[in-house]
């Protein structure tokens, strides 16, 4: 029994003999690939036709990959925007009151702050983290942040004077506060990425602040654990 596409067989064969791909013939004549494969299997293509088909296939693959990358980037951008909007809604519901700031500061200190020391201290290579620490501790503890001591940990090829100026400007602290600089001798001979400005440690002698922040964070964690996982 002849298929309903049989009358198109001569046209399909003619296109194949001209060097068109099976995919091209399938799209233009609307004939199933399985049917075309049977009709066209014995038609031999010239070496030039084969080269052209391979070139077209390669170009189509490159274009398909470009489209896939564009699609994935678009989807990623949408997901990032959704995450940002979700975060904005959460922050609006929380507000920026003193208690919220202090809780955020407590968790920052729990993760990044110095625990086994008779002082309140934190170190980071990220200026935003340290700027938040300064702003939050000023807001919640009424501390004169201009008196906070600063210590830098740098790699061997970094210029201490230049890095001091960088952190002083970023944190809006007097450059006189940056008295101690420690150079890691193990990094001698290796190049530092331009964006890396070392680690800046902020220190103040108020151990009571450290104790309060750690208690806030640990007690809050324990309350959540008891509530949702059971005591």
C-alpha atoms as a PDB file:
ATOM      1  CA  UNK A   1       0.000   0.000   0.000  1.00  0.00           C
ATOM      2  CA  UNK A   2       1.394   3.355  -1.066  1.00  0.00           C
ATOM      3  CA  UNK A   3       1.769   6.081   1.555  1.00  0.00           C
ATOM      4  CA  UNK A   4      -0.153   9.328   1.266  1.00  0.00           C
ATOM      5  CA  UNK A   5       3.140  11.105   0.521  1.00  0.00           C
ATOM      6  CA  UNK A   6       4.050   8.802  -2.409  1.00  0.00           C
ATOM      7  CA  UNK A   7       3.226  11.404  -5.060  1.00  0.00           C
ATOM      8  CA  UNK A   8       5.924  13.614  -3.536  1.00  0.00           C
ATOM      9  CA  UNK A   9       8.595  10.942  -3.889  1.00  0.00           C
ATOM     10  CA  UNK A  10       9.980  12.212  -7.233  1.00  0.00           C
ATOM     11  CA  UNK A  11      10.279  15.729  -5.842  1.00  0.00           C
ATOM     12  CA  UNK A  12      12.006  14.438  -2.718  1.00  0.00           C
ATOM     13  CA  UNK A  13      14.431  12.401  -4.796  1.00  0.00           C
ATOM     14  CA  UNK A  14      15.129  15.390  -7.025  1.00  0.00           C
ATOM     15  CA  UNK A  15      15.951  17.584  -4.054  1.00  0.00           C
ATOM     16  CA  UNK A  16      18.232  14.925  -2.600  1.00  0.00           C
ATOM     17  CA  UNK A  17      20.113  14.568  -5.906  1.00  0.00           C
ATOM     18  CA  UNK A  18      20.675  18.332  -5.819  1.00  0.00           C
ATOM     19  CA  UNK A  19      22.415  17.848  -2.488  1.00  0.00           C
ATOM     20  CA  UNK A  20      19.761  18.956  -0.025  1.00  0.00           C
ATOM     21  CA  UNK A  21      19.776  17.408   3.430  1.00  0.00           C
ATOM     22  CA  UNK A  22      17.073  15.015   4.573  1.00  0.00           C
ATOM     23  CA  UNK A  23      16.171  17.507   7.279  1.00  0.00           C
ATOM     24  CA  UNK A  24      15.655  20.257   4.674  1.00  0.00           C
ATOM     25  CA  UNK A  25      13.456  17.984   2.549  1.00  0.00           C
ATOM     26  CA  UNK A  26      11.488  16.908   5.637  1.00  0.00           C
ATOM     27  CA  UNK A  27      10.779  20.495   6.654  1.00  0.00           C
ATOM     28  CA  UNK A  28       9.790  21.670   3.171  1.00  0.00           C
ATOM     29  CA  UNK A  29       7.713  18.716   1.969  1.00  0.00           C
ATOM     30  CA  UNK A  30       6.307  17.719   5.386  1.00  0.00           C
ATOM     31  CA  UNK A  31       7.256  14.082   4.826  1.00  0.00           C
ATOM     32  CA  UNK A  32       8.232  11.965   7.853  1.00  0.00           C
ATOM     33  CA  UNK A  33      11.961  11.325   8.149  1.00  0.00           C
ATOM     34  CA  UNK A  34      11.361   7.576   8.421  1.00  0.00           C
ATOM     35  CA  UNK A  35       9.681   7.619   5.001  1.00  0.00           C
ATOM     36  CA  UNK A  36      12.394   9.777   3.441  1.00  0.00           C
ATOM     37  CA  UNK A  37      15.163   7.545   4.788  1.00  0.00           C
ATOM     38  CA  UNK A  38      13.697   4.585   2.903  1.00  0.00           C
ATOM     39  CA  UNK A  39      13.203   6.533  -0.325  1.00  0.00           C
ATOM     40  CA  UNK A  40      16.574   8.227  -0.403  1.00  0.00           C
ATOM     41  CA  UNK A  41      18.954   5.639   1.032  1.00  0.00           C
ATOM     42  CA  UNK A  42      20.336   4.599  -2.380  1.00  0.00           C
ATOM     43  CA  UNK A  43      20.918   8.105  -3.758  1.00  0.00           C
ATOM     44  CA  UNK A  44      24.636   8.841  -3.775  1.00  0.00           C
ATOM     45  CA  UNK A  45      25.874  12.369  -3.177  1.00  0.00           C
ATOM     46  CA  UNK A  46      28.991  13.858  -4.691  1.00  0.00           C
ATOM     47  CA  UNK A  47      31.965  14.724  -2.485  1.00  0.00           C
ATOM     48  CA  UNK A  48      31.186  18.422  -2.941  1.00  0.00           C
ATOM     49  CA  UNK A  49      27.586  17.896  -1.873  1.00  0.00           C
ATOM     50  CA  UNK A  50      28.735  15.976   1.192  1.00  0.00           C
ATOM     51  CA  UNK A  51      31.158  18.763   2.123  1.00  0.00           C
ATOM     52  CA  UNK A  52      28.420  21.352   1.723  1.00  0.00           C
ATOM     53  CA  UNK A  53      26.018  19.314   3.853  1.00  0.00           C
ATOM     54  CA  UNK A  54      28.672  18.916   6.551  1.00  0.00           C
ATOM     55  CA  UNK A  55      29.405  22.658   6.452  1.00  0.00           C
ATOM     56  CA  UNK A  56      25.705  23.476   6.715  1.00  0.00           C
ATOM     57  CA  UNK A  57      25.295  21.008   9.565  1.00  0.00           C
ATOM     58  CA  UNK A  58      28.240  22.555  11.414  1.00  0.00           C
ATOM     59  CA  UNK A  59      26.903  26.093  10.949  1.00  0.00           C
ATOM     60  CA  UNK A  60      23.440  24.996  12.087  1.00  0.00           C
ATOM     61  CA  UNK A  61      24.974  23.403  15.187  1.00  0.00           C
ATOM     62  CA  UNK A  62      26.875  26.609  16.009  1.00  0.00           C
ATOM     63  CA  UNK A  63      23.725  28.703  15.580  1.00  0.00           C
ATOM     64  CA  UNK A  64      21.726  26.265  17.709  1.00  0.00           C
ATOM     65  CA  UNK A  65      24.315  26.510  20.482  1.00  0.00           C
ATOM     66  CA  UNK A  66      24.229  30.307  20.320  1.00  0.00           C
ATOM     67  CA  UNK A  67      20.450  30.250  20.625  1.00  0.00           C
ATOM     68  CA  UNK A  68      20.676  27.797  23.519  1.00  0.00           C
ATOM     69  CA  UNK A  69      23.166  30.031  25.351  1.00  0.00           C
ATOM     70  CA  UNK A  70      20.940  33.069  24.756  1.00  0.00           C
ATOM     71  CA  UNK A  71      17.892  31.174  26.041  1.00  0.00           C
ATOM     72  CA  UNK A  72      19.709  29.946  29.141  1.00  0.00           C
ATOM     73  CA  UNK A  73      21.048  33.445  29.837  1.00  0.00           C
ATOM     74  CA  UNK A  74      17.556  34.890  29.471  1.00  0.00           C
ATOM     75  CA  UNK A  75      16.112  32.277  31.815  1.00  0.00           C
ATOM     76  CA  UNK A  76      18.927  32.872  34.308  1.00  0.00           C
ATOM     77  CA  UNK A  77      18.281  36.611  34.208  1.00  0.00           C
ATOM     78  CA  UNK A  78      14.588  35.952  34.912  1.00  0.00           C
ATOM     79  CA  UNK A  79      15.436  33.697  37.867  1.00  0.00           C
ATOM     80  CA  UNK A  80      17.836  36.283  39.271  1.00  0.00           C
ATOM     81  CA  UNK A  81      15.213  38.998  38.925  1.00  0.00           C
ATOM     82  CA  UNK A  82      12.614  36.791  40.637  1.00  0.00           C
ATOM     83  CA  UNK A  83      15.056  36.105  43.495  1.00  0.00           C
ATOM     84  CA  UNK A  84      15.767  39.819  43.855  1.00  0.00           C
ATOM     85  CA  UNK A  85      12.069  40.720  43.914  1.00  0.00           C
ATOM     86  CA  UNK A  86      11.422  38.006  46.494  1.00  0.00           C
ATOM     87  CA  UNK A  87      14.246  39.379  48.646  1.00  0.00           C
ATOM     88  CA  UNK A  88      12.845  42.921  48.338  1.00  0.00           C
ATOM     89  CA  UNK A  89       9.424  41.727  49.525  1.00  0.00           C
ATOM     90  CA  UNK A  90      10.985  39.949  52.514  1.00  0.00           C
ATOM     91  CA  UNK A  91      13.064  42.977  53.465  1.00  0.00           C
ATOM     92  CA  UNK A  92      10.035  45.254  53.226  1.00  0.00           C
ATOM     93  CA  UNK A  93       8.162  43.023  55.645  1.00  0.00           C
ATOM     94  CA  UNK A  94      11.101  42.997  58.075  1.00  0.00           C
ATOM     95  CA  UNK A  95      12.031  46.652  57.922  1.00  0.00           C
ATOM     96  CA  UNK A  96      15.381  48.007  59.118  1.00  0.00           C
ATOM     97  CA  UNK A  97      14.688  48.582  62.785  1.00  0.00           C
ATOM     98  CA  UNK A  98      17.386  48.314  65.423  1.00  0.00           C
ATOM     99  CA  UNK A  99      16.406  44.771  66.462  1.00  0.00           C
ATOM    100  CA  UNK A 100      16.591  43.494  62.881  1.00  0.00           C
ATOM    101  CA  UNK A 101      19.979  45.128  62.362  1.00  0.00           C
ATOM    102  CA  UNK A 102      21.297  43.666  65.602  1.00  0.00           C
ATOM    103  CA  UNK A 103      20.097  40.167  64.684  1.00  0.00           C
ATOM    104  CA  UNK A 104      21.776  40.438  61.275  1.00  0.00           C
ATOM    105  CA  UNK A 105      24.956  41.673  62.951  1.00  0.00           C
ATOM    106  CA  UNK A 106      24.838  38.783  65.423  1.00  0.00           C
ATOM    107  CA  UNK A 107      24.672  36.209  62.631  1.00  0.00           C
ATOM    108  CA  UNK A 108      27.433  37.919  60.714  1.00  0.00           C
ATOM    109  CA  UNK A 109      29.583  37.766  63.826  1.00  0.00           C
ATOM    110  CA  UNK A 110      28.660  34.132  64.453  1.00  0.00           C
ATOM    111  CA  UNK A 111      29.951  33.272  60.991  1.00  0.00           C
ATOM    112  CA  UNK A 112      32.858  35.667  60.515  1.00  0.00           C
ATOM    113  CA  UNK A 113      33.739  37.195  63.880  1.00  0.00           C
ATOM    114  CA  UNK A 114      36.510  36.252  66.277  1.00  0.00           C
ATOM    115  CA  UNK A 115      35.152  34.134  69.117  1.00  0.00           C
ATOM    116  CA  UNK A 116      38.050  33.071  71.338  1.00  0.00           C
ATOM    117  CA  UNK A 117      39.408  36.514  72.038  1.00  0.00           C
ATOM    118  CA  UNK A 118      38.852  39.180  74.753  1.00  0.00           C
ATOM    119  CA  UNK A 119      37.714  41.692  72.111  1.00  0.00           C
ATOM    120  CA  UNK A 120      35.165  42.190  69.362  1.00  0.00           C
ATOM    121  CA  UNK A 121      36.891  41.582  66.043  1.00  0.00           C
ATOM    122  CA  UNK A 122      36.066  40.552  62.497  1.00  0.00           C
ATOM    123  CA  UNK A 123      38.084  40.122  59.312  1.00  0.00           C
ATOM    124  CA  UNK A 124      37.141  39.961  55.641  1.00  0.00           C
ATOM    125  CA  UNK A 125      38.398  40.696  52.150  1.00  0.00           C
ATOM    126  CA  UNK A 126      34.935  41.993  51.190  1.00  0.00           C
ATOM    127  CA  UNK A 127      34.487  45.740  51.870  1.00  0.00           C
ATOM    128  CA  UNK A 128      30.684  45.413  51.962  1.00  0.00           C
ATOM    129  CA  UNK A 129      30.818  42.981  54.897  1.00  0.00           C
ATOM    130  CA  UNK A 130      33.064  45.270  56.903  1.00  0.00           C
ATOM    131  CA  UNK A 131      31.048  48.374  56.019  1.00  0.00           C
ATOM    132  CA  UNK A 132      27.901  46.626  57.214  1.00  0.00           C
ATOM    133  CA  UNK A 133      29.682  45.601  60.421  1.00  0.00           C
ATOM    134  CA  UNK A 134      30.696  49.210  61.088  1.00  0.00           C
ATOM    135  CA  UNK A 135      27.267  50.624  60.263  1.00  0.00           C
ATOM    136  CA  UNK A 136      25.445  47.996  62.329  1.00  0.00           C
ATOM    137  CA  UNK A 137      27.702  48.241  65.360  1.00  0.00           C
ATOM    138  CA  UNK A 138      27.361  52.028  65.283  1.00  0.00           C
ATOM    139  CA  UNK A 139      23.574  51.743  65.036  1.00  0.00           C
ATOM    140  CA  UNK A 140      23.086  49.125  67.747  1.00  0.00           C
ATOM    141  CA  UNK A 141      25.933  49.833  70.174  1.00  0.00           C
ATOM    142  CA  UNK A 142      26.394  53.585  69.741  1.00  0.00           C
ATOM    143  CA  UNK A 143      30.090  52.914  69.302  1.00  0.00           C
ATOM    144  CA  UNK A 144      32.547  55.514  68.020  1.00  0.00           C
ATOM    145  CA  UNK A 145      33.800  53.545  65.028  1.00  0.00           C
ATOM    146  CA  UNK A 146      36.604  56.051  64.415  1.00  0.00           C
ATOM    147  CA  UNK A 147      38.402  54.435  67.344  1.00  0.00           C
ATOM    148  CA  UNK A 148      38.320  50.920  65.876  1.00  0.00           C
ATOM    149  CA  UNK A 149      41.778  49.526  65.185  1.00  0.00           C
ATOM    150  CA  UNK A 150      42.491  48.055  61.780  1.00  0.00           C
ATOM    151  CA  UNK A 151      44.943  45.331  60.830  1.00  0.00           C
ATOM    152  CA  UNK A 152      45.822  44.226  57.289  1.00  0.00           C
ATOM    153  CA  UNK A 153      46.946  40.808  56.096  1.00  0.00           C
ATOM    154  CA  UNK A 154      48.571  41.158  52.680  1.00  0.00           C
ATOM    155  CA  UNK A 155      50.377  39.115  50.084  1.00  0.00           C
ATOM    156  CA  UNK A 156      54.082  39.664  49.435  1.00  0.00           C
ATOM    157  CA  UNK A 157      53.676  41.697  46.217  1.00  0.00           C
ATOM    158  CA  UNK A 158      51.095  44.133  47.608  1.00  0.00           C
ATOM    159  CA  UNK A 159      51.976  47.732  48.476  1.00  0.00           C
ATOM    160  CA  UNK A 160      51.016  48.367  52.139  1.00  0.00           C
ATOM    161  CA  UNK A 161      50.648  52.144  51.649  1.00  0.00           C
ATOM    162  CA  UNK A 162      48.368  51.711  48.647  1.00  0.00           C
ATOM    163  CA  UNK A 163      46.250  49.076  50.369  1.00  0.00           C
ATOM    164  CA  UNK A 164      45.985  51.214  53.523  1.00  0.00           C
ATOM    165  CA  UNK A 165      44.588  54.060  51.428  1.00  0.00           C
ATOM    166  CA  UNK A 166      42.122  51.713  49.751  1.00  0.00           C
ATOM    167  CA  UNK A 167      40.656  50.369  53.002  1.00  0.00           C
ATOM    168  CA  UNK A 168      40.703  53.783  54.688  1.00  0.00           C
ATOM    169  CA  UNK A 169      38.647  55.230  51.839  1.00  0.00           C
ATOM    170  CA  UNK A 170      36.284  52.247  51.583  1.00  0.00           C
ATOM    171  CA  UNK A 171      35.549  52.055  55.308  1.00  0.00           C
ATOM    172  CA  UNK A 172      35.740  55.818  55.917  1.00  0.00           C
ATOM    173  CA  UNK A 173      38.163  55.284  58.766  1.00  0.00           C
ATOM    174  CA  UNK A 174      41.248  57.403  59.529  1.00  0.00           C
ATOM    175  CA  UNK A 175      44.354  56.048  57.851  1.00  0.00           C
ATOM    176  CA  UNK A 176      46.093  56.320  61.233  1.00  0.00           C
ATOM    177  CA  UNK A 177      43.913  53.410  62.384  1.00  0.00           C
ATOM    178  CA  UNK A 178      45.734  51.078  59.982  1.00  0.00           C
ATOM    179  CA  UNK A 179      48.946  50.649  61.916  1.00  0.00           C
ATOM    180  CA  UNK A 180      49.625  46.923  61.730  1.00  0.00           C
ATOM    181  CA  UNK A 181      50.337  45.138  58.456  1.00  0.00           C
ATOM    182  CA  UNK A 182      51.210  41.452  58.232  1.00  0.00           C
ATOM    183  CA  UNK A 183      52.850  40.126  55.045  1.00  0.00           C
ATOM    184  CA  UNK A 184      52.415  36.482  54.127  1.00  0.00           C
ATOM    185  CA  UNK A 185      55.956  35.392  53.166  1.00  0.00           C
ATOM    186  CA  UNK A 186      54.583  32.185  51.676  1.00  0.00           C
ATOM    187  CA  UNK A 187      53.185  34.196  48.743  1.00  0.00           C
ATOM    188  CA  UNK A 188      56.566  35.483  47.573  1.00  0.00           C
ATOM    189  CA  UNK A 189      57.046  34.900  43.854  1.00  0.00           C
ATOM    190  CA  UNK A 190      53.314  34.560  43.054  1.00  0.00           C
ATOM    191  CA  UNK A 191      51.239  37.324  41.478  1.00  0.00           C
ATOM    192  CA  UNK A 192      48.162  38.751  43.194  1.00  0.00           C
ATOM    193  CA  UNK A 193      44.971  39.485  41.261  1.00  0.00           C
ATOM    194  CA  UNK A 194      44.404  43.271  40.956  1.00  0.00           C
ATOM    195  CA  UNK A 195      40.953  43.121  42.578  1.00  0.00           C
ATOM    196  CA  UNK A 196      42.272  41.430  45.743  1.00  0.00           C
ATOM    197  CA  UNK A 197      43.050  43.969  48.462  1.00  0.00           C
ATOM    198  CA  UNK A 198      44.079  41.594  51.210  1.00  0.00           C
ATOM    199  CA  UNK A 199      42.143  40.878  54.399  1.00  0.00           C
ATOM    200  CA  UNK A 200      41.199  43.723  56.708  1.00  0.00           C
ATOM    201  CA  UNK A 201      40.609  42.964  60.392  1.00  0.00           C
ATOM    202  CA  UNK A 202      38.584  45.355  62.545  1.00  0.00           C
ATOM    203  CA  UNK A 203      39.146  45.234  66.290  1.00  0.00           C
ATOM    204  CA  UNK A 204      37.670  46.970  69.317  1.00  0.00           C
ATOM    205  CA  UNK A 205      38.306  46.218  72.977  1.00  0.00           C
ATOM    206  CA  UNK A 206      34.631  45.898  73.967  1.00  0.00           C
ATOM    207  CA  UNK A 207      34.361  42.178  74.731  1.00  0.00           C
ATOM    208  CA  UNK A 208      30.796  42.712  75.974  1.00  0.00           C
ATOM    209  CA  UNK A 209      29.669  43.371  72.390  1.00  0.00           C
ATOM    210  CA  UNK A 210      31.113  40.041  71.290  1.00  0.00           C
ATOM    211  CA  UNK A 211      29.393  38.173  74.121  1.00  0.00           C
ATOM    212  CA  UNK A 212      26.042  39.789  73.396  1.00  0.00           C
ATOM    213  CA  UNK A 213      26.170  39.122  69.652  1.00  0.00           C
ATOM    214  CA  UNK A 214      27.148  35.479  70.078  1.00  0.00           C
ATOM    215  CA  UNK A 215      24.388  34.950  72.626  1.00  0.00           C
ATOM    216  CA  UNK A 216      21.786  36.529  70.351  1.00  0.00           C
ATOM    217  CA  UNK A 217      22.785  34.340  67.404  1.00  0.00           C
ATOM    218  CA  UNK A 218      23.108  31.056  69.303  1.00  0.00           C
ATOM    219  CA  UNK A 219      19.893  31.524  71.306  1.00  0.00           C
ATOM    220  CA  UNK A 220      17.965  32.460  68.156  1.00  0.00           C
ATOM    221  CA  UNK A 221      19.306  29.355  66.390  1.00  0.00           C
ATOM    222  CA  UNK A 222      18.382  27.155  69.335  1.00  0.00           C
ATOM    223  CA  UNK A 223      14.853  28.593  69.463  1.00  0.00           C
ATOM    224  CA  UNK A 224      14.324  27.797  65.778  1.00  0.00           C
ATOM    225  CA  UNK A 225      15.791  24.307  66.220  1.00  0.00           C
ATOM    226  CA  UNK A 226      13.544  23.577  69.202  1.00  0.00           C
ATOM    227  CA  UNK A 227      10.470  24.894  67.393  1.00  0.00           C
ATOM    228  CA  UNK A 228      10.900  23.070  64.102  1.00  0.00           C
ATOM    229  CA  UNK A 229      13.028  20.019  64.940  1.00  0.00           C
ATOM    230  CA  UNK A 230      11.936  19.408  68.503  1.00  0.00           C
ATOM    231  CA  UNK A 231      13.860  19.839  71.709  1.00  0.00           C
END
